[in-house]
Amino acid sequence: MKIIIATPSPYARKARVALREKDIDFEEIIDVPWNTDTLTQGINPLGKVPVLLHENNEPLFDSRLIVQYLDSFEPKPLLYPEDPEDNFSARLVETVADGVCDAIVLIFLENARKETLRSKDWIKRQEKKIYEGTKYLSNHLEEKKYFVGDHFNIADICGFSCLEYLDLRFPKFQWRSEYQNLENYWKIHKDRPSFKVTSPTAQIIEPLED
């Protein structure tokens, strides 16, 4: 099993953490999907990571689909809860965390454009999603150890990955001081092996033109 990733990507990180939590043997292939020589060409028509390559199976892309596939390939530990209420709750956290990351990506790309082409209104729109989404995560977590239920699952993978992506790409937002419960949550889980070895790091992308 192989997986094409980008080192800053919170979406790729979801799959990378899931593979490690399930103790599945795999190879990571690092790519920069924004660059013209991206490895995703001819594999993922959307040009995104992660992409999971497994023997003679069709390549899988989209982090949610990949983790769902991994749950069927190796059910233990199950990352999408079996209980219907917990399952929907975990998916809601996943949706919000991914949405916050989407907004961070859009701001990052907007700021990568020439300054004269940047839209302040567009950036403010995305920032509102980040602030409201993080507030949602804080309210949902309350003072619990896990986002959903009493065990580690996809909600924790997404929530934790989102928080560290904020640190990497949107450091002006001091979420740690604003939401003490999220800071406490981060401290509880920061030394988890699957998180430590997948900590996000920046990559250099080709400059965006007009």
Foldseek 3Di string as FASTA:
>chain_A
DEKEDALQDLLQLLLLLLCVQLVPDYYYHYFDLQAPPTPCVPQDPVSDDIWDDDPPDRIDHTSVVNSVVSCVVRVVPPFQDPPPVLNVQLVVLLVLLVLLVVLLVVLQLLVLEDPVPHDPVSNVVSVVSNVVSLVVQLVQCPQHLESGDDDHHSSLSSLLSSVLSCVVRPVVDPVCVVRVSSVVNCVSCVPPVSNVVSRGDDDDYDRDYD
